[in-house]
Amino acid sequence: MNACILFLCLSLGGPQQPRQPRDSFFGEDKFKHLVTSFIVTSLAASGARAAGLDHDSALMVGVGTGAAVGIGKELRDRGREGATASFNDIVWDLAGVGAAAAVQSRAQ
C-alpha cells in the first residue's frame, strides 16, 4: 500500500517544463529592438514625406508605423510556441520610435 501511494505521488509531478530565461532590461536583443524600430519609423516617415504628406502628418505616419510594428511583433511572439512576449522589448521598441521621431522632427 505504501509503495502504491509513493508511486502515485511521484507520478503526479509530471515532467518539469524548462524555465524561460529571465528577460533582462538590458538584454542582448534590446539594442536590436531599438535600432529596428528607429529604422522602421524613419523609413515610414520619409516615405510618407516623399509621397507628399506635410511634415507633421509624415511624422505621425512614421510614429504610428514604428509603434504598430514593434507592438505587433510582441503580440505575435505571445502566440508563438517557444517565443515570449516581453514588456521590456516593447519599451525598447518605443524608445527607438521616440528617437526616430526626435530626429525626424528636426528634419526639414
N, C-alpha and C. Protein backbone atom coordinates (compact mmCIF):
# COMPACT_ATOMS: atom_id res chain seq x y z
N MET A 1 0.82 -1.19 0.00
CA MET A 1 0.00 0.00 0.00
C MET A 1 0.87 1.26 0.00
N ASN A 2 1.89 1.29 0.86
CA ASN A 2 2.78 2.44 0.90
C ASN A 2 3.50 2.63 -0.43
N ALA A 3 3.86 1.52 -1.07
CA ALA A 3 4.54 1.61 -2.36
C ALA A 3 3.60 2.23 -3.40
N CYS A 4 2.31 1.88 -3.36
CA CYS A 4 1.34 2.45 -4.30
C CYS A 4 1.18 3.95 -4.08
N ILE A 5 1.11 4.39 -2.84
CA ILE A 5 0.99 5.82 -2.53
C ILE A 5 2.24 6.56 -2.99
N LEU A 6 3.41 6.00 -2.74
CA LEU A 6 4.66 6.61 -3.16
C LEU A 6 4.71 6.73 -4.68
N PHE A 7 4.32 5.65 -5.37
CA PHE A 7 4.31 5.66 -6.83
C PHE A 7 3.35 6.73 -7.35
N LEU A 8 2.17 6.82 -6.75
CA LEU A 8 1.18 7.81 -7.16
C LEU A 8 1.70 9.23 -6.95
N CYS A 9 2.31 9.49 -5.81
CA CYS A 9 2.85 10.83 -5.53
C CYS A 9 3.96 11.20 -6.51
N LEU A 10 4.82 10.27 -6.83
CA LEU A 10 5.92 10.56 -7.74
C LEU A 10 5.43 10.74 -9.18
N SER A 11 4.39 10.02 -9.55
CA SER A 11 3.92 10.10 -10.94
C SER A 11 3.05 11.34 -11.19
N LEU A 12 2.48 11.94 -10.16
CA LEU A 12 1.64 13.12 -10.35
C LEU A 12 2.45 14.38 -10.61
N GLY A 13 3.73 14.34 -10.29
CA GLY A 13 4.57 15.51 -10.51
C GLY A 13 4.69 15.87 -11.98
N GLY A 14 4.73 14.90 -12.84
CA GLY A 14 4.85 15.13 -14.27
C GLY A 14 6.21 15.71 -14.63
N PRO A 15 6.45 15.79 -15.92
CA PRO A 15 7.74 16.35 -16.35
C PRO A 15 7.82 17.84 -16.05
N GLN A 16 8.96 18.29 -15.70
CA GLN A 16 9.16 19.71 -15.42
C GLN A 16 9.34 20.47 -16.73
N GLN A 17 8.63 21.56 -16.85
CA GLN A 17 8.77 22.42 -18.02
C GLN A 17 10.06 23.22 -17.88
N PRO A 18 10.80 23.38 -18.98
CA PRO A 18 12.00 24.19 -18.87
C PRO A 18 11.63 25.64 -18.55
N ARG A 19 12.38 26.27 -17.69
CA ARG A 19 12.11 27.65 -17.32
C ARG A 19 12.57 28.57 -18.43
N GLN A 20 11.77 29.59 -18.68
CA GLN A 20 12.14 30.60 -19.65
C GLN A 20 13.27 31.44 -19.05
N PRO A 21 14.23 31.83 -19.88
CA PRO A 21 15.29 32.67 -19.34
C PRO A 21 14.73 34.02 -18.89
N ARG A 22 15.33 34.57 -17.87
CA ARG A 22 14.89 35.86 -17.35
C ARG A 22 15.14 36.93 -18.41
N ASP A 23 14.16 37.80 -18.61
CA ASP A 23 14.25 38.85 -19.63
C ASP A 23 14.83 40.11 -18.99
N SER A 24 16.12 40.29 -19.14
CA SER A 24 16.80 41.44 -18.56
C SER A 24 16.45 42.71 -19.34
N PHE A 25 16.33 43.83 -18.63
CA PHE A 25 16.02 45.10 -19.29
C PHE A 25 17.13 45.51 -20.24
N PHE A 26 18.35 45.10 -19.97
CA PHE A 26 19.49 45.41 -20.83
C PHE A 26 20.02 44.14 -21.49
N GLY A 27 19.10 43.26 -21.90
CA GLY A 27 19.47 42.01 -22.55
C GLY A 27 20.12 42.23 -23.91
N GLU A 28 20.67 41.16 -24.44
CA GLU A 28 21.43 41.26 -25.68
C GLU A 28 20.59 41.67 -26.89
N ASP A 29 19.30 41.42 -26.87
CA ASP A 29 18.48 41.74 -28.04
C ASP A 29 17.84 43.13 -27.98
N LYS A 30 18.01 43.85 -26.88
CA LYS A 30 17.32 45.14 -26.72
C LYS A 30 17.82 46.18 -27.71
N PHE A 31 19.12 46.20 -28.01
CA PHE A 31 19.66 47.15 -28.98
C PHE A 31 19.05 46.89 -30.36
N LYS A 32 18.82 45.63 -30.68
CA LYS A 32 18.19 45.29 -31.97
C LYS A 32 16.77 45.84 -32.04
N HIS A 33 16.03 45.76 -30.94
CA HIS A 33 14.68 46.32 -30.90
C HIS A 33 14.73 47.83 -31.13
N LEU A 34 15.65 48.52 -30.46
CA LEU A 34 15.77 49.97 -30.58
C LEU A 34 16.12 50.36 -32.02
N VAL A 35 17.11 49.71 -32.59
CA VAL A 35 17.56 50.06 -33.95
C VAL A 35 16.49 49.72 -34.98
N THR A 36 15.88 48.57 -34.86
CA THR A 36 14.85 48.19 -35.82
C THR A 36 13.68 49.16 -35.79
N SER A 37 13.23 49.53 -34.62
CA SER A 37 12.13 50.48 -34.50
C SER A 37 12.53 51.85 -35.04
N PHE A 38 13.76 52.25 -34.77
CA PHE A 38 14.26 53.52 -35.30
C PHE A 38 14.21 53.52 -36.83
N ILE A 39 14.70 52.44 -37.44
CA ILE A 39 14.74 52.35 -38.90
C ILE A 39 13.34 52.31 -39.49
N VAL A 40 12.46 51.49 -38.93
CA VAL A 40 11.09 51.39 -39.45
C VAL A 40 10.38 52.74 -39.36
N THR A 41 10.52 53.42 -38.23
CA THR A 41 9.89 54.72 -38.05
C THR A 41 10.44 55.74 -39.03
N SER A 42 11.76 55.78 -39.17
CA SER A 42 12.40 56.73 -40.08
C SER A 42 12.01 56.48 -41.53
N LEU A 43 12.01 55.22 -41.94
CA LEU A 43 11.65 54.90 -43.33
C LEU A 43 10.18 55.22 -43.62
N ALA A 44 9.32 54.93 -42.66
CA ALA A 44 7.90 55.21 -42.87
C ALA A 44 7.65 56.72 -42.95
N ALA A 45 8.28 57.47 -42.07
CA ALA A 45 8.12 58.93 -42.10
C ALA A 45 8.71 59.52 -43.38
N SER A 46 9.87 59.05 -43.78
CA SER A 46 10.49 59.55 -45.00
C SER A 46 9.67 59.17 -46.23
N GLY A 47 9.16 57.97 -46.23
CA GLY A 47 8.30 57.54 -47.34
C GLY A 47 7.02 58.35 -47.43
N ALA A 48 6.43 58.64 -46.29
CA ALA A 48 5.21 59.45 -46.28
C ALA A 48 5.51 60.87 -46.76
N ARG A 49 6.66 61.39 -46.37
CA ARG A 49 7.05 62.73 -46.81
C ARG A 49 7.29 62.73 -48.32
N ALA A 50 7.94 61.69 -48.84
CA ALA A 50 8.19 61.58 -50.27
C ALA A 50 6.89 61.42 -51.06
N ALA A 51 5.88 60.84 -50.40
CA ALA A 51 4.59 60.65 -51.06
C ALA A 51 3.76 61.92 -51.08
N GLY A 52 4.25 62.98 -50.41
CA GLY A 52 3.58 64.26 -50.50
C GLY A 52 2.90 64.75 -49.23
N LEU A 53 3.01 64.00 -48.14
CA LEU A 53 2.40 64.45 -46.89
C LEU A 53 3.23 65.59 -46.30
N ASP A 54 2.56 66.46 -45.55
CA ASP A 54 3.30 67.54 -44.89
C ASP A 54 4.13 66.95 -43.75
N HIS A 55 5.02 67.75 -43.20
CA HIS A 55 5.99 67.29 -42.21
C HIS A 55 5.34 66.61 -41.01
N ASP A 56 4.35 67.26 -40.41
CA ASP A 56 3.71 66.71 -39.20
C ASP A 56 2.94 65.42 -39.49
N SER A 57 2.24 65.38 -40.61
CA SER A 57 1.49 64.17 -40.98
C SER A 57 2.44 63.00 -41.25
N ALA A 58 3.54 63.29 -41.93
CA ALA A 58 4.53 62.24 -42.22
C ALA A 58 5.14 61.71 -40.93
N LEU A 59 5.38 62.62 -39.98
CA LEU A 59 5.92 62.20 -38.69
C LEU A 59 4.94 61.28 -37.96
N MET A 60 3.67 61.60 -38.00
CA MET A 60 2.66 60.75 -37.36
C MET A 60 2.56 59.39 -38.04
N VAL A 61 2.67 59.36 -39.35
CA VAL A 61 2.68 58.07 -40.07
C VAL A 61 3.87 57.25 -39.62
N GLY A 62 5.04 57.87 -39.51
CA GLY A 62 6.23 57.15 -39.07
C GLY A 62 6.10 56.61 -37.66
N VAL A 63 5.63 57.46 -36.75
CA VAL A 63 5.46 57.04 -35.35
C VAL A 63 4.43 55.91 -35.25
N GLY A 64 3.32 56.07 -35.94
CA GLY A 64 2.28 55.03 -35.90
C GLY A 64 2.77 53.71 -36.47
N THR A 65 3.50 53.78 -37.57
CA THR A 65 4.02 52.56 -38.19
C THR A 65 5.06 51.89 -37.29
N GLY A 66 5.99 52.67 -36.76
CA GLY A 66 7.02 52.10 -35.89
C GLY A 66 6.43 51.45 -34.64
N ALA A 67 5.47 52.13 -34.02
CA ALA A 67 4.84 51.58 -32.82
C ALA A 67 4.02 50.33 -33.15
N ALA A 68 3.31 50.37 -34.26
CA ALA A 68 2.49 49.22 -34.65
C ALA A 68 3.35 47.99 -34.95
N VAL A 69 4.47 48.20 -35.62
CA VAL A 69 5.35 47.07 -35.94
C VAL A 69 5.95 46.48 -34.66
N GLY A 70 6.42 47.34 -33.75
CA GLY A 70 7.02 46.84 -32.51
C GLY A 70 6.03 46.11 -31.62
N ILE A 71 4.88 46.70 -31.42
CA ILE A 71 3.86 46.08 -30.57
C ILE A 71 3.29 44.84 -31.26
N GLY A 72 3.09 44.91 -32.56
CA GLY A 72 2.58 43.75 -33.30
C GLY A 72 3.52 42.56 -33.22
N LYS A 73 4.81 42.82 -33.27
CA LYS A 73 5.79 41.74 -33.17
C LYS A 73 5.71 41.07 -31.80
N GLU A 74 5.54 41.85 -30.75
CA GLU A 74 5.41 41.27 -29.41
C GLU A 74 4.10 40.49 -29.26
N LEU A 75 3.04 40.98 -29.84
CA LEU A 75 1.78 40.24 -29.80
C LEU A 75 1.89 38.93 -30.57
N ARG A 76 2.61 38.96 -31.67
CA ARG A 76 2.83 37.72 -32.43
C ARG A 76 3.66 36.74 -31.61
N ASP A 77 4.69 37.24 -30.92
CA ASP A 77 5.51 36.37 -30.07
C ASP A 77 4.68 35.73 -28.96
N ARG A 78 3.70 36.45 -28.48
CA ARG A 78 2.84 35.94 -27.41
C ARG A 78 2.10 34.68 -27.83
N GLY A 79 1.77 34.59 -29.10
CA GLY A 79 1.02 33.43 -29.59
C GLY A 79 1.87 32.32 -30.17
N ARG A 80 3.18 32.53 -30.28
CA ARG A 80 4.05 31.52 -30.88
C ARG A 80 4.64 30.59 -29.84
N GLU A 81 4.78 29.34 -30.22
CA GLU A 81 5.40 28.33 -29.37
C GLU A 81 6.89 28.64 -29.24
N GLY A 82 7.39 28.64 -28.04
CA GLY A 82 8.82 28.86 -27.81
C GLY A 82 9.24 30.32 -27.79
N ALA A 83 8.34 31.23 -28.12
CA ALA A 83 8.66 32.67 -28.08
C ALA A 83 7.90 33.30 -26.93
N THR A 84 8.45 34.34 -26.39
CA THR A 84 7.79 35.02 -25.29
C THR A 84 7.65 36.50 -25.61
N ALA A 85 6.49 37.03 -25.31
CA ALA A 85 6.29 38.47 -25.43
C ALA A 85 6.96 39.13 -24.25
N SER A 86 7.48 40.32 -24.47
CA SER A 86 8.24 40.97 -23.41
C SER A 86 7.87 42.44 -23.32
N PHE A 87 7.51 42.86 -22.13
CA PHE A 87 7.25 44.27 -21.89
C PHE A 87 8.52 45.08 -22.10
N ASN A 88 9.67 44.52 -21.71
CA ASN A 88 10.94 45.21 -21.90
C ASN A 88 11.23 45.44 -23.38
N ASP A 89 10.89 44.47 -24.22
CA ASP A 89 11.07 44.64 -25.66
C ASP A 89 10.22 45.79 -26.18
N ILE A 90 8.99 45.89 -25.69
CA ILE A 90 8.11 46.98 -26.12
C ILE A 90 8.69 48.33 -25.70
N VAL A 91 9.24 48.39 -24.49
CA VAL A 91 9.86 49.64 -24.03
C VAL A 91 10.99 50.04 -24.97
N TRP A 92 11.84 49.10 -25.35
CA TRP A 92 12.95 49.41 -26.25
C TRP A 92 12.45 49.74 -27.66
N ASP A 93 11.38 49.08 -28.10
CA ASP A 93 10.78 49.43 -29.39
C ASP A 93 10.31 50.88 -29.37
N LEU A 94 9.62 51.25 -28.32
CA LEU A 94 9.10 52.62 -28.22
C LEU A 94 10.21 53.64 -28.04
N ALA A 95 11.31 53.24 -27.43
CA ALA A 95 12.47 54.14 -27.33
C ALA A 95 13.04 54.41 -28.72
N GLY A 96 13.08 53.38 -29.56
CA GLY A 96 13.54 53.56 -30.94
C GLY A 96 12.60 54.45 -31.73
N VAL A 97 11.30 54.29 -31.52
CA VAL A 97 10.30 55.14 -32.19
C VAL A 97 10.49 56.58 -31.73
N GLY A 98 10.68 56.79 -30.44
CA GLY A 98 10.87 58.14 -29.91
C GLY A 98 12.13 58.79 -30.43
N ALA A 99 13.22 58.04 -30.51
CA ALA A 99 14.47 58.57 -31.03
C ALA A 99 14.32 58.97 -32.49
N ALA A 100 13.66 58.12 -33.27
CA ALA A 100 13.45 58.43 -34.69
C ALA A 100 12.54 59.63 -34.84
N ALA A 101 11.53 59.74 -34.01
CA ALA A 101 10.62 60.89 -34.07
C ALA A 101 11.37 62.18 -33.74
N ALA A 102 12.29 62.10 -32.78
CA ALA A 102 13.09 63.28 -32.43
C ALA A 102 13.96 63.70 -33.61
N VAL A 103 14.58 62.75 -34.27
CA VAL A 103 15.42 63.06 -35.42
C VAL A 103 14.58 63.59 -36.57
N GLN A 104 13.46 62.92 -36.85
CA GLN A 104 12.59 63.32 -37.95
C GLN A 104 11.95 64.68 -37.71
N SER A 105 11.67 65.01 -36.47
CA SER A 105 11.04 66.30 -36.18
C SER A 105 11.99 67.46 -36.47
N ARG A 106 13.29 67.21 -36.43
CA ARG A 106 14.30 68.22 -36.71
C ARG A 106 14.61 68.30 -38.21
N ALA A 107 14.18 67.30 -38.96
CA ALA A 107 14.45 67.29 -40.41
C ALA A 107 13.59 68.33 -41.12
N GLN A 108 14.06 68.81 -42.22
CA GLN A 108 13.31 69.81 -43.00
C GLN A 108 12.39 69.14 -44.00
